[in-house]
Amino acid sequence: MFENLSERLSGILDKLTRRGALSEADVGEAMREVRRALIEADVALDVVRSFTDKVRNRAVGHEVLRSVTPGQQVIKIVHDQLVEMLGSTARPIDLEAPAPVCIMMVGLQGSGKTTTTAKIGKRLGDRHKAKTLLASLDTRRPAAQEQLRVLGEQNSIDTLPIVVGQTPTQIAERAMTAGRLGGYDVVILDTAGRTHIDEPLMLEMAEIKKISKPHEILLVADALTGQDAVNLAKSFDQRVGITGIVLTRMDGDGRGGAALSMRAVTGKPIKLVGTGEKADALEDFDPARIAGRILGMGDIVALVERAAQDFDAKKAADMAAKMKKGQFDLDDLADQLRQMKKLGGMKGIMGMLPGMGKMKGQLDGFDEKVFDRQIAIVQSMTPKERRKPELLAASRKRRVATGSGTRVEDVNKLLKMHRQMADMMKAMGKKKGGLLGGLGSMFGGGGMPDPAELEAMAKSGQMPQLPPGGLGGLGGGMPTLPRGMTLPGLGGPKGPQGPGFGRKK
């Protein structure tokens, strides 16, 4: 998300911080480069002009040009202006209404509306314990209603039974009745789409709105359509009256111009962004945190939220007890690798850590599938071999390599990495929970930090600092490592070197 824009803006602003004293001409030159970067990112021209004018007016002021750290002051101004352009504050889905709260999903065909409907249903259940009913009103697209039923079944969400021959308005009326009689907290209506906006579609949306009286009308728009998504939002808002926007496929849009333009052009908040196909690949759109990502400041709050979802207190306590005894077997290593995968892999973690975004380029050749291969190697061992890796003689290594579809050299590299990590874990015996506990240690305490507390820290500018010695405490490995330690595919303390285990061939 925003990868290209982030690289461009980080480079431009880095130049300012290295210059020391700044002149008005320096600021003007930087703003011209920022303007080009935003236009290349597909941000609407009017939005670009407004943004750069506001930044320039503030940046050439006396308090900046005479500042001890003028470059840093300009970065703060750019950050603040980005936050303002993106909507200033996060606007989550509003459930403050009498039950059942109706959420109406609208958008064009192919935007990911049905999948997003199921994702929101799962999110409301997991985070708010809301009893949710999904209803498909799409009678035009073949198997659309069946698709939502299957998605609901896969994610343990109730769906309205399909009645063949009913019109969308009849289904909406039946869904609201079922919501009231069934004691549901939320009813989500997945409406039909078209390949383009037409009058029959808008009339149908208006009729459904009249019947269901939705508390939220969310437009689902594909971020890959760029400025067309902005025009789409304006059209739907004029005819139906949307309350918010959900942008899908943000993981495939390195430019991000639609997200940057949409709030400024439509005045409607972006509430959620889809970042993948999985049911939990949906994130809150928080302007301050998104601005931090764009400027390479990371998003530690999002990283901790992801980790907290998978935090198992009992498993963390068991791991801490083993580490105090100097125990760290291959099953423990496999658990650490699985945790890293769940947090988005090496690149995902680095992109959210403060100051680490610029190091992601060191991982360009890194193959994230290395974690799967390493886990497969461990799973090809017997339980006794996992507990006592010293049993793995040459013949056993050949058997493990054959069983996991790898080479004996790969097995040797994994065993070497395990020995190094076991030594490190012994030194970390007082820190709890391996990878997830390591996140807690970044904040000077044990266990997982509270995301709400982190949010307050971020807003006050008091973001945590990484511990001395880097991120060795994350137990899955990150750059800045103890002397002599290597990571899967990261040839040594200075990052990827040579054709290591995790390098793409």
Protein backbone atom coordinates (compact mmCIF):
# COMPACT_ATOMS: atom_id res chain seq x y z
CA MET A 1 0.00 0.00 0.00
CA PHE A 2 1.41 3.42 -1.07
CA GLU A 3 4.80 1.78 -1.68
CA ASN A 4 5.84 3.92 -4.66
CA LEU A 5 4.64 7.17 -3.10
CA SER A 6 6.29 6.32 0.21
CA GLU A 7 9.66 5.77 -1.48
CA ARG A 8 9.42 9.04 -3.40
CA LEU A 9 8.34 11.20 -0.46
CA SER A 10 10.88 9.62 1.90
CA GLY A 11 13.67 10.42 -0.56
CA ILE A 12 12.53 14.01 -1.04
CA LEU A 13 12.18 14.73 2.67
CA ASP A 14 15.48 13.00 3.51
CA LYS A 15 17.24 15.57 1.32
CA LEU A 16 15.74 18.38 3.39
CA THR A 17 16.86 16.88 6.69
CA ARG A 18 20.45 16.61 5.43
CA ARG A 19 20.69 20.26 4.34
CA GLY A 20 20.62 21.86 7.76
CA ALA A 21 19.41 25.45 7.28
CA LEU A 22 16.66 25.82 4.67
CA SER A 23 15.84 28.70 2.36
CA GLU A 24 12.49 29.45 0.78
CA ALA A 25 13.93 28.21 -2.52
CA ASP A 26 14.81 24.85 -0.91
CA VAL A 27 11.22 24.43 0.28
CA GLY A 28 9.87 25.44 -3.13
CA GLU A 29 12.06 22.88 -4.89
CA ALA A 30 10.99 20.14 -2.46
CA MET A 31 7.31 20.99 -2.97
CA ARG A 32 7.69 20.76 -6.75
CA GLU A 33 9.09 17.26 -6.30
CA VAL A 34 6.29 16.37 -3.88
CA ARG A 35 3.77 17.64 -6.42
CA ARG A 36 5.23 15.39 -9.13
CA ALA A 37 5.27 12.41 -6.77
CA LEU A 38 1.59 12.88 -5.86
CA ILE A 39 0.52 13.27 -9.50
CA GLU A 40 2.44 10.10 -10.42
CA ALA A 41 0.61 8.35 -7.55
CA ASP A 42 -2.67 9.23 -9.32
CA VAL A 43 -3.83 11.80 -6.77
CA ALA A 44 -6.43 14.23 -8.15
CA LEU A 45 -4.82 17.44 -9.46
CA ASP A 46 -7.00 19.77 -7.36
CA VAL A 47 -6.08 17.81 -4.24
CA VAL A 48 -2.36 17.99 -5.12
CA ARG A 49 -2.50 21.75 -5.60
CA SER A 50 -4.31 22.32 -2.33
CA PHE A 51 -1.93 20.04 -0.43
CA THR A 52 1.32 21.53 -1.73
CA ASP A 53 0.07 25.12 -1.32
CA LYS A 54 -0.83 24.52 2.33
CA VAL A 55 2.48 22.80 3.09
CA ARG A 56 4.49 25.54 1.34
CA ASN A 57 2.67 28.35 3.19
CA ARG A 58 3.40 26.75 6.55
CA ALA A 59 6.93 25.60 5.69
CA VAL A 60 8.25 29.01 4.66
CA GLY A 61 7.17 30.54 7.94
CA HIS A 62 9.66 32.06 10.37
CA GLU A 63 9.33 29.21 12.92
CA VAL A 64 10.48 26.66 10.32
CA LEU A 65 13.23 28.43 8.41
CA ARG A 66 14.78 29.69 11.68
CA SER A 67 14.29 26.37 13.45
CA VAL A 68 17.22 24.33 14.79
CA THR A 69 15.88 21.32 12.81
CA PRO A 70 14.03 22.85 9.82
CA GLY A 71 14.01 19.60 7.81
CA GLN A 72 12.26 17.75 10.64
CA GLN A 73 9.78 20.61 10.98
CA VAL A 74 8.87 20.32 7.28
CA ILE A 75 8.36 16.55 7.67
CA LYS A 76 5.98 17.23 10.56
CA ILE A 77 4.08 19.76 8.45
CA VAL A 78 3.80 17.28 5.55
CA HIS A 79 2.63 14.59 7.98
CA ASP A 80 0.00 16.86 9.56
CA GLN A 81 -1.25 17.96 6.15
CA LEU A 82 -1.49 14.36 4.96
CA VAL A 83 -3.54 13.50 8.04
CA GLU A 84 -5.86 16.42 7.33
CA MET A 85 -6.23 15.41 3.67
CA LEU A 86 -7.07 11.83 4.67
CA GLY A 87 -9.77 12.91 7.09
CA SER A 88 -8.01 13.88 10.38
CA THR A 89 -9.58 11.15 12.53
CA ALA A 90 -10.51 7.50 12.06
CA ARG A 91 -14.19 6.89 11.37
CA PRO A 92 -15.06 3.25 12.13
CA ILE A 93 -18.40 1.67 11.24
CA ASP A 94 -21.07 3.25 13.44
CA LEU A 95 -23.18 0.74 15.37
CA GLU A 96 -24.80 3.32 17.65
CA ALA A 97 -28.41 2.73 16.60
CA PRO A 98 -31.34 0.56 17.71
CA ALA A 99 -30.86 -3.11 16.80
CA PRO A 100 -30.81 -4.48 14.25
CA VAL A 101 -28.40 -1.92 12.78
CA CYS A 102 -28.69 -2.07 8.99
CA ILE A 103 -25.57 -1.72 6.85
CA MET A 104 -26.18 -1.42 3.10
CA MET A 105 -23.30 -2.35 0.80
CA VAL A 106 -23.27 -0.68 -2.64
CA GLY A 107 -20.82 -0.59 -5.54
CA LEU A 108 -20.12 -1.77 -9.06
CA GLN A 109 -19.88 -5.39 -10.09
CA GLY A 110 -16.40 -6.85 -9.55
CA SER A 111 -15.36 -4.42 -6.80
CA GLY A 112 -15.29 -7.17 -4.16
CA LYS A 113 -18.60 -6.25 -2.53
CA THR A 114 -19.73 -9.76 -1.56
CA THR A 115 -16.34 -10.75 -0.13
CA THR A 116 -16.15 -7.45 1.78
CA THR A 117 -19.66 -8.05 3.18
CA ALA A 118 -18.49 -11.34 4.69
CA LYS A 119 -15.26 -9.73 5.98
CA ILE A 120 -17.21 -7.00 7.76
CA GLY A 121 -19.58 -9.58 9.25
CA LYS A 122 -16.63 -11.53 10.65
CA ARG A 123 -14.95 -8.35 11.89
CA LEU A 124 -18.06 -7.21 13.77
CA GLY A 125 -18.42 -10.63 15.34
CA ASP A 126 -14.78 -10.92 16.38
CA ARG A 127 -14.30 -7.35 17.63
CA HIS A 128 -17.75 -6.30 18.84
CA LYS A 129 -19.33 -9.71 19.54
CA ALA A 130 -22.18 -8.57 17.30
CA LYS A 131 -24.66 -11.19 16.17
CA THR A 132 -24.76 -10.52 12.43
CA LEU A 133 -27.06 -11.61 9.59
CA LEU A 134 -25.87 -11.40 5.98
CA ALA A 135 -28.39 -11.09 3.14
CA SER A 136 -27.66 -11.12 -0.60
CA LEU A 137 -29.96 -8.90 -2.69
CA ASP A 138 -28.09 -9.68 -5.91
CA THR A 139 -30.56 -11.55 -8.09
CA ARG A 140 -28.81 -10.64 -11.34
CA ARG A 141 -25.35 -12.18 -11.01
CA PRO A 142 -25.36 -15.99 -11.26
CA ALA A 143 -24.66 -17.72 -7.94
CA ALA A 144 -24.15 -14.40 -6.10
CA GLN A 145 -26.52 -15.44 -3.30
CA GLU A 146 -24.88 -18.85 -3.05
CA GLN A 147 -21.44 -17.19 -2.85
CA LEU A 148 -22.48 -15.16 0.20
CA ARG A 149 -24.04 -18.26 1.81
CA VAL A 150 -20.77 -20.19 1.42
CA LEU A 151 -18.70 -17.27 2.77
CA GLY A 152 -21.03 -17.01 5.75
CA GLU A 153 -20.74 -20.73 6.43
CA GLN A 154 -16.93 -20.62 6.19
CA ASN A 155 -16.75 -17.78 8.73
CA SER A 156 -19.57 -18.91 11.06
CA ILE A 157 -21.88 -16.01 10.14
CA ASP A 158 -25.62 -16.46 9.67
CA THR A 159 -27.04 -15.79 6.19
CA LEU A 160 -30.62 -15.20 5.12
CA PRO A 161 -32.09 -18.35 3.51
CA ILE A 162 -32.37 -18.07 -0.27
CA VAL A 163 -35.91 -17.90 -1.69
CA VAL A 164 -35.92 -18.23 -5.47
CA GLY A 165 -37.94 -15.64 -7.39
CA GLN A 166 -37.93 -12.83 -4.82
CA THR A 167 -37.00 -9.30 -5.90
CA PRO A 168 -34.22 -7.33 -4.18
CA THR A 169 -36.75 -5.18 -2.31
CA GLN A 170 -38.64 -8.25 -1.09
CA ILE A 171 -35.37 -9.79 0.14
CA ALA A 172 -34.48 -6.55 1.95
CA GLU A 173 -37.86 -6.50 3.71
CA ARG A 174 -37.51 -10.19 4.69
CA ALA A 175 -33.96 -9.60 5.95
CA MET A 176 -34.99 -6.75 8.24
CA THR A 177 -37.90 -8.80 9.60
CA ALA A 178 -35.58 -11.77 10.23
CA GLY A 179 -33.12 -9.42 11.93
CA ARG A 180 -35.73 -8.15 14.35
CA LEU A 181 -37.30 -11.54 15.09
CA GLY A 182 -33.94 -13.33 15.36
CA GLY A 183 -32.42 -10.90 17.85
CA TYR A 184 -29.62 -9.84 15.51
CA ASP A 185 -27.44 -6.84 16.32
CA VAL A 186 -26.52 -6.12 12.69
CA VAL A 187 -28.05 -6.90 9.29
CA ILE A 188 -25.76 -6.41 6.27
CA LEU A 189 -27.42 -6.10 2.86
CA ASP A 190 -25.22 -7.05 -0.09
CA THR A 191 -26.86 -5.26 -3.01
CA ALA A 192 -26.45 -5.99 -6.71
CA GLY A 193 -23.85 -4.22 -8.84
CA ARG A 194 -23.53 -3.37 -12.50
CA THR A 195 -20.54 -3.05 -14.82
CA HIS A 196 -21.31 0.68 -14.86
CA ILE A 197 -23.69 3.12 -13.18
CA ASP A 198 -27.13 3.19 -14.80
CA GLU A 199 -30.57 4.51 -13.91
CA PRO A 200 -32.19 1.13 -13.06
CA LEU A 201 -29.37 0.45 -10.57
CA MET A 202 -29.83 3.79 -8.82
CA LEU A 203 -33.61 3.39 -8.66
CA GLU A 204 -33.16 -0.07 -7.11
CA MET A 205 -30.70 1.29 -4.52
CA ALA A 206 -33.11 4.10 -3.61
CA GLU A 207 -35.99 1.64 -3.14
CA ILE A 208 -33.90 -0.68 -0.95
CA LYS A 209 -32.78 2.30 1.13
CA LYS A 210 -36.38 3.36 1.64
CA ILE A 211 -37.41 -0.11 2.84
CA SER A 212 -34.40 -0.96 5.05
CA LYS A 213 -33.58 2.51 6.42
CA PRO A 214 -29.84 1.71 6.70
CA HIS A 215 -27.76 3.34 9.40
CA GLU A 216 -24.66 3.00 7.23
CA ILE A 217 -24.40 2.93 3.41
CA LEU A 218 -20.90 1.78 2.51
CA LEU A 219 -19.55 2.11 -1.01
CA VAL A 220 -17.13 -0.67 -1.94
CA ALA A 221 -14.64 0.62 -4.52
CA ASP A 222 -11.66 -1.05 -6.19
CA ALA A 223 -8.51 0.99 -5.46
CA LEU A 224 -6.93 -0.25 -8.69
CA THR A 225 -9.41 1.85 -10.70
CA GLY A 226 -7.65 5.02 -9.53
CA GLN A 227 -9.54 8.27 -10.12
CA ASP A 228 -12.51 6.36 -11.56
CA ALA A 229 -13.12 5.20 -7.99
CA VAL A 230 -13.36 8.86 -6.92
CA ASN A 231 -15.89 9.63 -9.66
CA LEU A 232 -17.85 6.51 -8.68
CA ALA A 233 -18.04 7.68 -5.07
CA LYS A 234 -19.34 11.09 -6.12
CA SER A 235 -22.05 9.53 -8.31
CA PHE A 236 -23.27 7.10 -5.63
CA ASP A 237 -23.25 9.82 -2.99
CA GLN A 238 -25.34 12.17 -5.13
CA ARG A 239 -27.98 9.51 -5.89
CA VAL A 240 -28.01 7.28 -2.80
CA GLY A 241 -26.13 9.19 -0.09
CA ILE A 242 -23.23 7.09 1.15
CA THR A 243 -21.91 7.37 4.70
CA GLY A 244 -18.48 5.86 4.09
CA ILE A 245 -16.14 4.05 1.71
CA VAL A 246 -14.39 0.68 1.78
CA LEU A 247 -11.40 0.46 -0.59
CA THR A 248 -10.53 -3.03 -1.77
CA ARG A 249 -7.30 -4.39 -3.29
CA MET A 250 -5.15 -1.85 -1.52
CA ASP A 251 -2.48 -4.54 -1.30
CA GLY A 252 -2.16 -4.43 -5.09
CA ASP A 253 -2.04 -0.65 -5.48
CA GLY A 254 1.48 0.70 -5.02
CA ARG A 255 0.30 4.23 -5.86
CA GLY A 256 -2.65 4.78 -3.53
CA GLY A 257 -3.91 7.92 -5.28
CA ALA A 258 -7.56 6.93 -4.96
CA ALA A 259 -7.31 6.74 -1.17
CA LEU A 260 -5.54 10.10 -0.97
CA SER A 261 -8.08 11.80 -3.24
CA MET A 262 -11.34 10.21 -2.16
CA ARG A 263 -11.78 11.83 1.25
CA ALA A 264 -10.78 15.27 -0.04
CA VAL A 265 -12.98 15.14 -3.15
CA THR A 266 -16.12 13.47 -1.74
CA GLY A 267 -16.02 14.57 1.88
CA LYS A 268 -16.90 10.99 2.85
CA PRO A 269 -14.61 9.05 5.18
CA ILE A 270 -12.73 5.93 4.12
CA LYS A 271 -13.68 3.53 6.90
CA LEU A 272 -11.92 0.32 5.92
CA VAL A 273 -9.37 -0.96 3.41
CA GLY A 274 -9.09 -4.50 2.07
CA THR A 275 -5.52 -5.78 2.06
CA GLY A 276 -5.92 -9.34 0.78
CA GLU A 277 -8.27 -12.20 0.05
CA LYS A 278 -8.39 -13.75 3.52
CA ALA A 279 -11.40 -13.16 5.75
CA ASP A 280 -9.39 -11.09 8.22
CA ALA A 281 -7.56 -9.02 5.55
CA LEU A 282 -9.46 -5.85 6.41
CA GLU A 283 -7.97 -2.86 8.25
CA ASP A 284 -9.33 0.31 9.81
CA PHE A 285 -8.43 3.39 7.82
CA ASP A 286 -6.78 5.66 10.37
CA PRO A 287 -5.45 8.90 8.77
CA ALA A 288 -2.61 9.41 11.28
CA ARG A 289 -1.37 5.84 10.95
CA ILE A 290 -1.71 5.81 7.15
CA ALA A 291 0.23 9.09 6.94
CA GLY A 292 2.94 7.53 9.09
CA ARG A 293 3.20 4.58 6.70
CA ILE A 294 3.40 6.87 3.67
CA LEU A 295 6.27 8.84 5.21
CA GLY A 296 8.14 5.70 6.29
CA MET A 297 7.39 6.19 9.99
CA GLY A 298 5.86 2.72 10.31
CA ASP A 299 2.65 1.71 12.06
CA ILE A 300 3.56 -0.06 15.28
CA VAL A 301 -0.06 0.12 16.49
CA ALA A 302 -1.27 -2.01 13.58
CA LEU A 303 1.57 -4.48 14.12
CA VAL A 304 0.68 -4.91 17.79
CA GLU A 305 -3.02 -5.26 16.94
CA ARG A 306 -2.17 -8.08 14.53
CA ALA A 307 0.03 -9.74 17.12
CA ALA A 308 -2.59 -9.35 19.85
CA GLN A 309 -5.15 -11.21 17.74
CA ASP A 310 -2.90 -14.27 17.83
CA PHE A 311 -1.54 -13.81 21.34
CA ASP A 312 -1.96 -16.96 23.41
CA ALA A 313 -1.19 -16.17 27.04
CA LYS A 314 -0.79 -19.83 28.01
CA LYS A 315 1.56 -20.55 25.12
CA ALA A 316 3.57 -17.41 25.97
CA ALA A 317 3.86 -18.51 29.60
CA ASP A 318 4.95 -22.00 28.56
CA MET A 319 7.56 -20.51 26.22
CA ALA A 320 8.85 -18.21 28.97
CA ALA A 321 9.20 -21.17 31.36
CA LYS A 322 11.15 -23.16 28.76
CA MET A 323 13.41 -20.22 27.96
CA LYS A 324 14.28 -19.76 31.64
CA LYS A 325 15.51 -23.34 31.60
CA GLY A 326 17.47 -22.68 28.42
CA GLN A 327 15.14 -24.88 26.36
CA PHE A 328 14.23 -24.03 22.77
CA ASP A 329 13.48 -26.96 20.49
CA LEU A 330 12.56 -27.17 16.81
CA ASP A 331 8.82 -27.13 17.55
CA ASP A 332 9.36 -23.77 19.26
CA LEU A 333 11.24 -22.54 16.19
CA ALA A 334 8.36 -23.61 13.92
CA ASP A 335 5.92 -21.70 16.18
CA GLN A 336 8.05 -18.56 15.84
CA LEU A 337 8.09 -18.90 12.05
CA ARG A 338 4.30 -19.31 11.97
CA GLN A 339 3.91 -16.16 14.06
CA MET A 340 6.07 -14.20 11.62
CA LYS A 341 3.92 -15.42 8.72
CA LYS A 342 0.74 -14.29 10.49
CA LEU A 343 2.23 -10.84 11.03
CA GLY A 344 2.87 -10.43 7.30
CA GLY A 345 6.32 -11.93 6.91
CA MET A 346 9.62 -10.05 7.00
CA LYS A 347 8.52 -7.22 4.71
CA GLY A 348 5.18 -6.80 6.47
CA ILE A 349 6.81 -6.49 9.88
CA MET A 350 9.57 -4.15 8.71
CA GLY A 351 7.08 -1.87 6.97
CA MET A 352 5.26 -1.25 10.27
CA LEU A 353 8.27 -0.66 12.50
CA PRO A 354 9.40 2.94 13.07
CA GLY A 355 12.46 3.76 11.00
CA MET A 356 12.64 0.32 9.39
CA GLY A 357 10.75 1.10 6.19
CA LYS A 358 13.93 2.16 4.38
CA MET A 359 15.49 -1.24 5.07
CA LYS A 360 12.76 -3.10 3.16
CA GLY A 361 14.78 -2.65 0.00
CA GLN A 362 17.38 -5.00 1.47
CA LEU A 363 14.76 -7.75 1.24
CA ASP A 364 13.97 -7.35 -2.47
CA GLY A 365 15.35 -10.81 -3.19
CA PHE A 366 13.89 -12.39 -0.07
CA ASP A 367 11.52 -15.29 -0.72
CA GLU A 368 8.75 -15.22 1.91
CA LYS A 369 7.94 -18.87 1.10
CA VAL A 370 11.14 -19.80 2.95
CA PHE A 371 9.04 -19.95 6.14
CA ASP A 372 6.80 -22.62 4.59
CA ARG A 373 9.84 -24.67 3.55
CA GLN A 374 11.43 -24.39 6.98
CA ILE A 375 8.19 -25.40 8.72
CA ALA A 376 7.95 -28.36 6.31
CA ILE A 377 11.47 -29.45 7.29
CA VAL A 378 10.54 -29.43 10.99
CA GLN A 379 7.31 -31.32 10.31
CA SER A 380 9.28 -34.01 8.43
CA MET A 381 11.18 -34.85 11.61
CA THR A 382 10.01 -37.25 14.29
CA PRO A 383 8.84 -35.77 17.62
CA LYS A 384 12.03 -37.07 19.25
CA GLU A 385 14.23 -35.40 16.60
CA ARG A 386 12.45 -32.08 17.14
CA ARG A 387 13.15 -32.26 20.86
CA LYS A 388 16.76 -33.42 20.35
CA PRO A 389 18.18 -32.04 17.07
CA GLU A 390 21.55 -33.63 17.88
CA LEU A 391 20.05 -36.97 16.83
CA LEU A 392 19.96 -35.80 13.21
CA ALA A 393 22.87 -37.68 11.68
CA ALA A 394 23.54 -37.68 7.93
CA SER A 395 21.08 -40.47 7.10
CA ARG A 396 18.29 -38.80 9.07
CA LYS A 397 18.97 -35.47 7.41
CA ARG A 398 18.60 -37.12 3.99
CA ARG A 399 15.27 -38.59 5.07
CA VAL A 400 14.04 -35.20 6.37
CA ALA A 401 15.15 -33.43 3.17
CA THR A 402 13.34 -35.98 1.00
CA GLY A 403 10.20 -35.77 3.13
CA SER A 404 10.06 -31.96 2.99
CA GLY A 405 11.02 -31.60 -0.68
CA THR A 406 14.20 -29.67 0.19
CA ARG A 407 17.95 -30.37 0.19
CA VAL A 408 20.26 -31.60 2.92
CA GLU A 409 21.97 -28.18 2.77
CA ASP A 410 18.64 -26.57 3.66
CA VAL A 411 18.23 -28.89 6.64
CA ASN A 412 21.75 -27.98 7.82
CA LYS A 413 20.99 -24.26 7.51
CA LEU A 414 17.82 -24.65 9.54
CA LEU A 415 19.67 -26.56 12.26
CA LYS A 416 22.37 -23.89 12.38
CA MET A 417 19.74 -21.16 12.67
CA HIS A 418 18.07 -23.11 15.47
CA ARG A 419 21.35 -23.37 17.42
CA GLN A 420 21.92 -19.63 17.09
CA MET A 421 18.37 -18.82 18.15
CA ALA A 422 18.57 -21.26 21.08
CA ASP A 423 21.66 -19.41 22.33
CA MET A 424 19.85 -16.10 21.94
CA MET A 425 16.75 -17.41 23.72
CA LYS A 426 18.84 -18.46 26.71
CA ALA A 427 20.05 -14.86 27.01
CA MET A 428 16.47 -13.64 26.75
CA GLY A 429 15.13 -15.93 29.45
CA LYS A 430 13.56 -13.09 31.39
CA LYS A 431 11.53 -11.86 28.39
CA LYS A 432 8.18 -13.50 27.87
CA GLY A 433 6.53 -14.98 24.85
CA GLY A 434 9.10 -15.12 22.06
CA LEU A 435 7.95 -13.10 19.05
CA LEU A 436 4.80 -11.66 20.62
CA GLY A 437 6.47 -11.04 23.96
CA GLY A 438 9.31 -9.36 22.11
CA LEU A 439 6.84 -6.75 20.93
CA GLY A 440 5.93 -6.16 24.56
CA SER A 441 9.58 -5.74 25.52
CA MET A 442 9.84 -2.82 23.07
CA PHE A 443 7.59 -0.88 25.45
CA GLY A 444 9.52 -1.64 28.60
CA GLY A 445 7.11 -4.20 29.99
CA GLY A 446 6.21 -7.86 29.80
CA GLY A 447 3.51 -9.32 27.59
CA MET A 448 1.52 -7.51 24.93
CA PRO A 449 1.09 -3.70 25.00
CA ASP A 450 -2.42 -2.30 24.83
CA PRO A 451 -3.26 -1.01 21.29
CA ALA A 452 -5.40 1.78 22.77
CA GLU A 453 -2.45 2.93 24.87
CA LEU A 454 -0.24 2.85 21.79
CA GLU A 455 -2.81 4.93 19.90
CA ALA A 456 -2.56 7.64 22.55
CA MET A 457 1.25 7.49 22.40
CA ALA A 458 1.21 7.85 18.63
CA LYS A 459 -1.06 10.89 18.76
CA SER A 460 1.16 12.56 21.37
CA GLY A 461 4.26 11.87 19.29
CA GLN A 462 5.75 9.59 21.97
CA MET A 463 6.22 6.47 19.87
CA PRO A 464 8.37 3.75 21.42
CA GLN A 465 11.99 3.23 20.51
CA LEU A 466 13.46 -0.09 19.47
CA PRO A 467 15.48 -1.81 22.17
CA PRO A 468 19.29 -1.77 22.11
CA GLY A 469 20.47 -4.58 19.88
CA GLY A 470 17.60 -4.16 17.43
CA LEU A 471 14.85 -6.69 17.06
CA GLY A 472 16.54 -9.88 18.08
CA GLY A 473 13.82 -10.18 20.72
CA LEU A 474 11.24 -10.91 18.07
CA GLY A 475 12.44 -14.49 17.96
CA GLY A 476 11.95 -14.85 14.21
CA GLY A 477 14.79 -12.59 13.31
CA MET A 478 15.10 -9.10 11.92
CA PRO A 479 18.09 -7.07 10.68
CA THR A 480 20.39 -5.58 13.37
CA LEU A 481 21.38 -8.86 14.93
CA PRO A 482 23.78 -10.17 17.54
CA ARG A 483 27.27 -10.69 16.18
CA GLY A 484 27.57 -13.86 14.13
CA MET A 485 23.85 -14.54 14.02
CA THR A 486 22.12 -15.18 10.69
CA LEU A 487 18.48 -15.37 9.73
CA PRO A 488 16.51 -17.39 7.17
CA GLY A 489 17.72 -15.87 3.92
CA LEU A 490 19.45 -12.92 5.59
CA GLY A 491 23.11 -13.83 5.21
CA GLY A 492 24.32 -11.96 8.29
CA PRO A 493 23.90 -8.93 10.56
CA LYS A 494 24.03 -6.52 7.61
CA GLY A 495 21.09 -8.05 5.80
CA PRO A 496 20.76 -10.26 2.72
CA GLN A 497 24.08 -11.47 1.38
CA GLY A 498 24.66 -14.02 -1.35
CA PRO A 499 22.31 -16.85 -2.29
CA GLY A 500 21.11 -17.59 1.28
CA PHE A 501 18.32 -19.96 2.20
CA GLY A 502 15.60 -17.38 1.72
CA ARG A 503 16.89 -15.83 -1.48
CA LYS A 504 14.89 -16.29 -4.65
CA LYS A 505 16.72 -18.38 -7.19
